[in-house]
């Protein structure tokens, strides 16, 4: 869901629907966005933000550990939209 092309495809696929229901994994979404941020930082070499990435990854790992086993179902959220005609 992070890449622009994927976002456009997602929007296009739901444009003719009246109800959209998408389930996503919070951990994977956080990992994907951190990877994207890291790539952007490599290109622009922005100071300050890069120093915070290891801590953000640490928090993601802690969250992943907390939401495993019996609690794994808590990792998933649903994104529901309703389009009125």
PDB file of N, CA and C in Angstrom:
ATOM      1  N   UNK A   1       0.806  -1.200   0.000  1.00  0.00           N
ATOM      2  CA  UNK A   1       0.000   0.000   0.000  1.00  0.00           C
ATOM      3  C   UNK A   1       0.847   1.261   0.000  1.00  0.00           C
ATOM      4  N   UNK A   2       2.115   1.137   0.070  1.00  0.00           N
ATOM      5  CA  UNK A   2       2.956   2.303   0.204  1.00  0.00           C
ATOM      6  C   UNK A   2       3.368   2.859  -1.149  1.00  0.00           C
ATOM      7  N   UNK A   3       3.612   2.020  -2.124  1.00  0.00           N
ATOM      8  CA  UNK A   3       4.053   2.497  -3.421  1.00  0.00           C
ATOM      9  C   UNK A   3       2.924   3.232  -4.126  1.00  0.00           C
ATOM     10  N   UNK A   4       3.293   4.289  -4.884  1.00  0.00           N
ATOM     11  CA  UNK A   4       2.284   5.086  -5.574  1.00  0.00           C
ATOM     12  C   UNK A   4       1.501   4.264  -6.586  1.00  0.00           C
ATOM     13  N   UNK A   5       2.203   3.409  -7.339  1.00  0.00           N
ATOM     14  CA  UNK A   5       1.515   2.584  -8.333  1.00  0.00           C
ATOM     15  C   UNK A   5       0.501   1.658  -7.672  1.00  0.00           C
ATOM     16  N   UNK A   6       0.882   1.063  -6.553  1.00  0.00           N
ATOM     17  CA  UNK A   6      -0.031   0.173  -5.836  1.00  0.00           C
ATOM     18  C   UNK A   6      -1.219   0.949  -5.289  1.00  0.00           C
ATOM     19  N   UNK A   7      -0.971   2.171  -4.806  1.00  0.00           N
ATOM     20  CA  UNK A   7      -2.062   3.009  -4.307  1.00  0.00           C
ATOM     21  C   UNK A   7      -3.041   3.332  -5.425  1.00  0.00           C
ATOM     22  N   UNK A   8      -2.508   3.682  -6.584  1.00  0.00           N
ATOM     23  CA  UNK A   8      -3.376   4.024  -7.709  1.00  0.00           C
ATOM     24  C   UNK A   8      -4.188   2.819  -8.155  1.00  0.00           C
ATOM     25  N   UNK A   9      -3.558   1.646  -8.176  1.00  0.00           N
ATOM     26  CA  UNK A   9      -4.284   0.426  -8.537  1.00  0.00           C
ATOM     27  C   UNK A   9      -5.380   0.129  -7.525  1.00  0.00           C
ATOM     28  N   UNK A  10      -5.071   0.315  -6.252  1.00  0.00           N
ATOM     29  CA  UNK A  10      -6.049   0.073  -5.192  1.00  0.00           C
ATOM     30  C   UNK A  10      -7.237   1.004  -5.352  1.00  0.00           C
ATOM     31  N   UNK A  11      -6.969   2.279  -5.584  1.00  0.00           N
ATOM     32  CA  UNK A  11      -8.045   3.255  -5.764  1.00  0.00           C
ATOM     33  C   UNK A  11      -8.853   2.918  -7.007  1.00  0.00           C
ATOM     34  N   UNK A  12      -8.180   2.581  -8.096  1.00  0.00           N
ATOM     35  CA  UNK A  12      -8.876   2.253  -9.341  1.00  0.00           C
ATOM     36  C   UNK A  12      -9.740   1.007  -9.184  1.00  0.00           C
ATOM     37  N   UNK A  13      -9.238   0.015  -8.474  1.00  0.00           N
ATOM     38  CA  UNK A  13      -9.994  -1.223  -8.330  1.00  0.00           C
ATOM     39  C   UNK A  13     -11.246  -1.043  -7.487  1.00  0.00           C
ATOM     40  N   UNK A  14     -11.248  -0.056  -6.613  1.00  0.00           N
ATOM     41  CA  UNK A  14     -12.404   0.177  -5.761  1.00  0.00           C
ATOM     42  C   UNK A  14     -13.294   1.314  -6.249  1.00  0.00           C
ATOM     43  N   UNK A  15     -12.914   1.970  -7.336  1.00  0.00           N
ATOM     44  CA  UNK A  15     -13.674   3.137  -7.783  1.00  0.00           C
ATOM     45  C   UNK A  15     -15.081   2.780  -8.249  1.00  0.00           C
ATOM     46  N   UNK A  16     -15.278   1.567  -8.736  1.00  0.00           N
ATOM     47  CA  UNK A  16     -16.605   1.178  -9.203  1.00  0.00           C
ATOM     48  C   UNK A  16     -17.413   0.473  -8.120  1.00  0.00           C
ATOM     49  N   UNK A  17     -16.814   0.225  -6.990  1.00  0.00           N
ATOM     50  CA  UNK A  17     -17.478  -0.477  -5.896  1.00  0.00           C
ATOM     51  C   UNK A  17     -18.145   0.510  -4.946  1.00  0.00           C
ATOM     52  N   UNK A  18     -19.193   0.057  -4.283  1.00  0.00           N
ATOM     53  CA  UNK A  18     -19.843   0.927  -3.308  1.00  0.00           C
ATOM     54  C   UNK A  18     -19.252   0.740  -1.917  1.00  0.00           C
ATOM     55  N   UNK A  19     -18.678  -0.429  -1.641  1.00  0.00           N
ATOM     56  CA  UNK A  19     -18.069  -0.674  -0.334  1.00  0.00           C
ATOM     57  C   UNK A  19     -16.702  -1.317  -0.545  1.00  0.00           C
ATOM     58  N   UNK A  20     -15.699  -0.791   0.145  1.00  0.00           N
ATOM     59  CA  UNK A  20     -14.353  -1.355   0.091  1.00  0.00           C
ATOM     60  C   UNK A  20     -13.998  -1.880   1.473  1.00  0.00           C
ATOM     61  N   UNK A  21     -13.426  -3.061   1.510  1.00  0.00           N
ATOM     62  CA  UNK A  21     -13.040  -3.674   2.775  1.00  0.00           C
ATOM     63  C   UNK A  21     -11.666  -4.308   2.580  1.00  0.00           C
ATOM     64  N   UNK A  22     -10.628  -3.673   3.124  1.00  0.00           N
ATOM     65  CA  UNK A  22      -9.261  -4.141   2.947  1.00  0.00           C
ATOM     66  C   UNK A  22      -8.647  -4.431   4.308  1.00  0.00           C
ATOM     67  N   UNK A  23      -8.103  -5.626   4.468  1.00  0.00           N
ATOM     68  CA  UNK A  23      -7.406  -5.978   5.704  1.00  0.00           C
ATOM     69  C   UNK A  23      -5.911  -5.816   5.465  1.00  0.00           C
ATOM     70  N   UNK A  24      -5.207  -5.265   6.445  1.00  0.00           N
ATOM     71  CA  UNK A  24      -3.766  -5.091   6.312  1.00  0.00           C
ATOM     72  C   UNK A  24      -3.070  -5.412   7.622  1.00  0.00           C
ATOM     73  N   UNK A  25      -1.806  -5.797   7.502  1.00  0.00           N
ATOM     74  CA  UNK A  25      -0.964  -6.143   8.647  1.00  0.00           C
ATOM     75  C   UNK A  25      -0.214  -4.884   9.077  1.00  0.00           C
ATOM     76  N   UNK A  26      -0.458  -4.424  10.284  1.00  0.00           N
ATOM     77  CA  UNK A  26       0.149  -3.196  10.793  1.00  0.00           C
ATOM     78  C   UNK A  26       1.671  -3.285  10.775  1.00  0.00           C
ATOM     79  N   UNK A  27       2.222  -4.409  11.186  1.00  0.00           N
ATOM     80  CA  UNK A  27       3.673  -4.572  11.252  1.00  0.00           C
ATOM     81  C   UNK A  27       4.288  -4.451   9.861  1.00  0.00           C
ATOM     82  N   UNK A  28       3.698  -5.130   8.890  1.00  0.00           N
ATOM     83  CA  UNK A  28       4.234  -5.056   7.526  1.00  0.00           C
ATOM     84  C   UNK A  28       4.128  -3.643   6.971  1.00  0.00           C
ATOM     85  N   UNK A  29       3.033  -2.960   7.257  1.00  0.00           N
ATOM     86  CA  UNK A  29       2.870  -1.580   6.795  1.00  0.00           C
ATOM     87  C   UNK A  29       3.927  -0.670   7.415  1.00  0.00           C
ATOM     88  N   UNK A  30       4.163  -0.817   8.719  1.00  0.00           N
ATOM     89  CA  UNK A  30       5.192  -0.012   9.386  1.00  0.00           C
ATOM     90  C   UNK A  30       6.572  -0.308   8.812  1.00  0.00           C
ATOM     91  N   UNK A  31       6.885  -1.585   8.616  1.00  0.00           N
ATOM     92  CA  UNK A  31       8.176  -1.948   8.035  1.00  0.00           C
ATOM     93  C   UNK A  31       8.344  -1.358   6.639  1.00  0.00           C
ATOM     94  N   UNK A  32       7.301  -1.432   5.836  1.00  0.00           N
ATOM     95  CA  UNK A  32       7.360  -0.917   4.473  1.00  0.00           C
ATOM     96  C   UNK A  32       7.590   0.584   4.457  1.00  0.00           C
ATOM     97  N   UNK A  33       6.883   1.305   5.312  1.00  0.00           N
ATOM     98  CA  UNK A  33       7.031   2.756   5.326  1.00  0.00           C
ATOM     99  C   UNK A  33       8.398   3.167   5.861  1.00  0.00           C
ATOM    100  N   UNK A  34       8.931   2.432   6.836  1.00  0.00           N
ATOM    101  CA  UNK A  34      10.275   2.736   7.343  1.00  0.00           C
ATOM    102  C   UNK A  34      11.313   2.481   6.252  1.00  0.00           C
ATOM    103  N   UNK A  35      11.158   1.387   5.499  1.00  0.00           N
ATOM    104  CA  UNK A  35      12.072   1.116   4.388  1.00  0.00           C
ATOM    105  C   UNK A  35      12.025   2.235   3.359  1.00  0.00           C
ATOM    106  N   UNK A  36      10.822   2.699   3.059  1.00  0.00           N
ATOM    107  CA  UNK A  36      10.646   3.789   2.101  1.00  0.00           C
ATOM    108  C   UNK A  36      11.291   5.076   2.607  1.00  0.00           C
ATOM    109  N   UNK A  37      11.109   5.361   3.888  1.00  0.00           N
ATOM    110  CA  UNK A  37      11.726   6.549   4.482  1.00  0.00           C
ATOM    111  C   UNK A  37      13.246   6.450   4.432  1.00  0.00           C
ATOM    112  N   UNK A  38      13.754   5.271   4.728  1.00  0.00           N
ATOM    113  CA  UNK A  38      15.199   5.067   4.731  1.00  0.00           C
ATOM    114  C   UNK A  38      15.774   5.286   3.335  1.00  0.00           C
ATOM    115  N   UNK A  39      15.082   4.790   2.318  1.00  0.00           N
ATOM    116  CA  UNK A  39      15.529   4.976   0.934  1.00  0.00           C
ATOM    117  C   UNK A  39      15.525   6.458   0.570  1.00  0.00           C
ATOM    118  N   UNK A  40      14.483   7.165   0.959  1.00  0.00           N
ATOM    119  CA  UNK A  40      14.403   8.600   0.687  1.00  0.00           C
ATOM    120  C   UNK A  40      15.530   9.348   1.381  1.00  0.00           C
ATOM    121  N   UNK A  41      15.833   8.949   2.595  1.00  0.00           N
ATOM    122  CA  UNK A  41      16.918   9.593   3.335  1.00  0.00           C
ATOM    123  C   UNK A  41      18.267   9.327   2.684  1.00  0.00           C
ATOM    124  N   UNK A  42      18.452   8.123   2.139  1.00  0.00           N
ATOM    125  CA  UNK A  42      19.697   7.813   1.442  1.00  0.00           C
ATOM    126  C   UNK A  42      19.900   8.758   0.268  1.00  0.00           C
ATOM    127  N   UNK A  43      18.804   9.091  -0.406  1.00  0.00           N
ATOM    128  CA  UNK A  43      18.884   9.955  -1.576  1.00  0.00           C
ATOM    129  C   UNK A  43      19.108  11.414  -1.205  1.00  0.00           C
ATOM    130  N   UNK A  44      18.518  11.864  -0.110  1.00  0.00           N
ATOM    131  CA  UNK A  44      18.621  13.283   0.247  1.00  0.00           C
ATOM    132  C   UNK A  44      19.582  13.550   1.405  1.00  0.00           C
ATOM    133  N   UNK A  45      19.992  12.495   2.105  1.00  0.00           N
ATOM    134  CA  UNK A  45      20.920  12.614   3.231  1.00  0.00           C
ATOM    135  C   UNK A  45      20.442  13.624   4.268  1.00  0.00           C
ATOM    136  N   UNK A  46      19.193  13.525   4.679  1.00  0.00           N
ATOM    137  CA  UNK A  46      18.627  14.412   5.692  1.00  0.00           C
ATOM    138  C   UNK A  46      19.162  14.024   7.065  1.00  0.00           C
ATOM    139  N   UNK A  47      19.645  15.009   7.803  1.00  0.00           N
ATOM    140  CA  UNK A  47      20.198  14.758   9.140  1.00  0.00           C
ATOM    141  C   UNK A  47      19.075  14.679  10.170  1.00  0.00           C
ATOM    142  N   UNK A  48      19.312  13.969  11.244  1.00  0.00           N
ATOM    143  CA  UNK A  48      18.358  13.910  12.340  1.00  0.00           C
ATOM    144  C   UNK A  48      17.378  12.765  12.240  1.00  0.00           C
ATOM    145  N   UNK A  49      16.717  12.634  11.115  1.00  0.00           N
ATOM    146  CA  UNK A  49      15.699  11.594  10.959  1.00  0.00           C
ATOM    147  C   UNK A  49      16.352  10.217  10.943  1.00  0.00           C
ATOM    148  N   UNK A  50      17.484  10.106  10.270  1.00  0.00           N
ATOM    149  CA  UNK A  50      18.173   8.818  10.171  1.00  0.00           C
ATOM    150  C   UNK A  50      18.517   8.269  11.559  1.00  0.00           C
ATOM    151  N   UNK A  51      18.843   9.150  12.477  1.00  0.00           N
ATOM    152  CA  UNK A  51      19.190   8.716  13.834  1.00  0.00           C
ATOM    153  C   UNK A  51      18.005   8.090  14.560  1.00  0.00           C
ATOM    154  N   UNK A  52      16.801   8.441  14.160  1.00  0.00           N
ATOM    155  CA  UNK A  52      15.593   7.926  14.812  1.00  0.00           C
ATOM    156  C   UNK A  52      15.125   6.595  14.228  1.00  0.00           C
ATOM    157  N   UNK A  53      15.606   6.229  13.051  1.00  0.00           N
ATOM    158  CA  UNK A  53      15.160   4.996  12.406  1.00  0.00           C
ATOM    159  C   UNK A  53      15.459   3.738  13.224  1.00  0.00           C
ATOM    160  N   UNK A  54      16.644   3.587  13.812  1.00  0.00           N
ATOM    161  CA  UNK A  54      16.874   2.371  14.609  1.00  0.00           C
ATOM    162  C   UNK A  54      15.879   2.228  15.770  1.00  0.00           C
ATOM    163  N   UNK A  55      15.543   3.331  16.404  1.00  0.00           N
ATOM    164  CA  UNK A  55      14.577   3.262  17.508  1.00  0.00           C
ATOM    165  C   UNK A  55      13.186   2.903  16.984  1.00  0.00           C
ATOM    166  N   UNK A  56      12.808   3.458  15.841  1.00  0.00           N
ATOM    167  CA  UNK A  56      11.520   3.121  15.235  1.00  0.00           C
ATOM    168  C   UNK A  56      11.471   1.636  14.895  1.00  0.00           C
ATOM    169  N   UNK A  57      12.559   1.112  14.346  1.00  0.00           N
ATOM    170  CA  UNK A  57      12.620  -0.326  14.050  1.00  0.00           C
ATOM    171  C   UNK A  57      12.532  -1.152  15.339  1.00  0.00           C
ATOM    172  N   UNK A  58      13.178  -0.682  16.402  1.00  0.00           N
ATOM    173  CA  UNK A  58      13.111  -1.362  17.699  1.00  0.00           C
ATOM    174  C   UNK A  58      11.659  -1.420  18.191  1.00  0.00           C
ATOM    175  N   UNK A  59      10.945  -0.307  18.064  1.00  0.00           N
ATOM    176  CA  UNK A  59       9.540  -0.274  18.480  1.00  0.00           C
ATOM    177  C   UNK A  59       8.694  -1.229  17.647  1.00  0.00           C
ATOM    178  N   UNK A  60       8.963  -1.287  16.353  1.00  0.00           N
ATOM    179  CA  UNK A  60       8.236  -2.211  15.477  1.00  0.00           C
ATOM    180  C   UNK A  60       8.494  -3.648  15.921  1.00  0.00           C
ATOM    181  N   UNK A  61       9.751  -3.967  16.219  1.00  0.00           N
ATOM    182  CA  UNK A  61      10.086  -5.325  16.671  1.00  0.00           C
ATOM    183  C   UNK A  61       9.405  -5.657  17.992  1.00  0.00           C
ATOM    184  N   UNK A  62       9.369  -4.687  18.914  1.00  0.00           N
ATOM    185  CA  UNK A  62       8.668  -4.905  20.183  1.00  0.00           C
ATOM    186  C   UNK A  62       7.176  -5.143  19.953  1.00  0.00           C
ATOM    187  N   UNK A  63       6.592  -4.360  19.080  1.00  0.00           N
ATOM    188  CA  UNK A  63       5.174  -4.508  18.757  1.00  0.00           C
ATOM    189  C   UNK A  63       4.916  -5.856  18.100  1.00  0.00           C
ATOM    190  N   UNK A  64       5.819  -6.260  17.199  1.00  0.00           N
ATOM    191  CA  UNK A  64       5.673  -7.555  16.540  1.00  0.00           C
ATOM    192  C   UNK A  64       5.727  -8.691  17.559  1.00  0.00           C
ATOM    193  N   UNK A  65       6.641  -8.595  18.515  1.00  0.00           N
ATOM    194  CA  UNK A  65       6.751  -9.623  19.555  1.00  0.00           C
ATOM    195  C   UNK A  65       5.499  -9.656  20.431  1.00  0.00           C
ATOM    196  N   UNK A  66       4.998  -8.477  20.783  1.00  0.00           N
ATOM    197  CA  UNK A  66       3.804  -8.399  21.633  1.00  0.00           C
ATOM    198  C   UNK A  66       2.566  -8.934  20.919  1.00  0.00           C
ATOM    199  N   UNK A  67       2.525  -8.751  19.601  1.00  0.00           N
ATOM    200  CA  UNK A  67       1.361  -9.180  18.825  1.00  0.00           C
ATOM    201  C   UNK A  67       1.647 -10.487  18.091  1.00  0.00           C
ATOM    202  N   UNK A  68       2.177 -11.458  18.806  1.00  0.00           N
ATOM    203  CA  UNK A  68       2.429 -12.767  18.214  1.00  0.00           C
ATOM    204  C   UNK A  68       1.703 -13.829  19.032  1.00  0.00           C
ATOM    205  N   UNK A  69       1.735 -15.036  18.534  1.00  0.00           N
ATOM    206  CA  UNK A  69       1.074 -16.142  19.242  1.00  0.00           C
ATOM    207  C   UNK A  69      -0.428 -15.943  19.312  1.00  0.00           C
ATOM    208  N   UNK A  70      -0.972 -16.001  20.522  1.00  0.00           N
ATOM    209  CA  UNK A  70      -2.416 -15.875  20.714  1.00  0.00           C
ATOM    210  C   UNK A  70      -2.945 -14.498  20.325  1.00  0.00           C
ATOM    211  N   UNK A  71      -2.072 -13.506  20.286  1.00  0.00           N
ATOM    212  CA  UNK A  71      -2.497 -12.135  20.000  1.00  0.00           C
ATOM    213  C   UNK A  71      -2.243 -11.718  18.550  1.00  0.00           C
ATOM    214  N   UNK A  72      -1.827 -12.659  17.688  1.00  0.00           N
ATOM    215  CA  UNK A  72      -1.481 -12.321  16.309  1.00  0.00           C
ATOM    216  C   UNK A  72      -2.641 -11.681  15.548  1.00  0.00           C
ATOM    217  N   UNK A  73      -3.866 -12.078  15.859  1.00  0.00           N
ATOM    218  CA  UNK A  73      -5.019 -11.509  15.161  1.00  0.00           C
ATOM    219  C   UNK A  73      -5.153 -10.007  15.413  1.00  0.00           C
ATOM    220  N   UNK A  74      -4.538  -9.493  16.475  1.00  0.00           N
ATOM    221  CA  UNK A  74      -4.584  -8.054  16.756  1.00  0.00           C
ATOM    222  C   UNK A  74      -3.716  -7.247  15.798  1.00  0.00           C
ATOM    223  N   UNK A  75      -2.832  -7.923  15.054  1.00  0.00           N
ATOM    224  CA  UNK A  75      -1.975  -7.235  14.085  1.00  0.00           C
ATOM    225  C   UNK A  75      -2.769  -6.719  12.892  1.00  0.00           C
ATOM    226  N   UNK A  76      -3.893  -7.315  12.634  1.00  0.00           N
ATOM    227  CA  UNK A  76      -4.625  -7.022  11.406  1.00  0.00           C
ATOM    228  C   UNK A  76      -5.744  -6.030  11.654  1.00  0.00           C
ATOM    229  N   UNK A  77      -5.848  -5.076  10.760  1.00  0.00           N
ATOM    230  CA  UNK A  77      -6.898  -4.067  10.816  1.00  0.00           C
ATOM    231  C   UNK A  77      -7.607  -4.054   9.475  1.00  0.00           C
ATOM    232  N   UNK A  78      -8.818  -3.595   9.505  1.00  0.00           N
ATOM    233  CA  UNK A  78      -9.603  -3.504   8.275  1.00  0.00           C
ATOM    234  C   UNK A  78      -9.833  -2.046   7.949  1.00  0.00           C
ATOM    235  N   UNK A  79      -9.685  -1.726   6.690  1.00  0.00           N
ATOM    236  CA  UNK A  79      -9.920  -0.385   6.184  1.00  0.00           C
ATOM    237  C   UNK A  79     -11.178  -0.464   5.333  1.00  0.00           C
ATOM    238  N   UNK A  80     -12.253   0.125   5.815  1.00  0.00           N
ATOM    239  CA  UNK A  80     -13.536   0.032   5.121  1.00  0.00           C
ATOM    240  C   UNK A  80     -13.985   1.425   4.709  1.00  0.00           C
ATOM    241  N   UNK A  81     -14.336   1.554   3.447  1.00  0.00           N
ATOM    242  CA  UNK A  81     -14.889   2.817   2.959  1.00  0.00           C
ATOM    243  C   UNK A  81     -16.201   2.522   2.258  1.00  0.00           C
ATOM    244  N   UNK A  82     -17.082   3.480   2.270  1.00  0.00           N
ATOM    245  CA  UNK A  82     -18.367   3.326   1.596  1.00  0.00           C
ATOM    246  C   UNK A  82     -18.536   4.490   0.641  1.00  0.00           C
ATOM    247  N   UNK A  83     -18.823   4.164  -0.594  1.00  0.00           N
ATOM    248  CA  UNK A  83     -19.003   5.173  -1.623  1.00  0.00           C
ATOM    249  C   UNK A  83     -20.495   5.324  -1.885  1.00  0.00           C
ATOM    250  N   UNK A  84     -20.984   6.544  -1.765  1.00  0.00           N
ATOM    251  CA  UNK A  84     -22.400   6.782  -2.053  1.00  0.00           C
ATOM    252  C   UNK A  84     -22.542   7.224  -3.492  1.00  0.00           C
ATOM    253  N   UNK A  85     -23.565   6.737  -4.123  1.00  0.00           N
ATOM    254  CA  UNK A  85     -23.790   7.054  -5.541  1.00  0.00           C
ATOM    255  C   UNK A  85     -24.654   8.262  -5.715  1.00  0.00           C
TER     256      UNK A  85
END
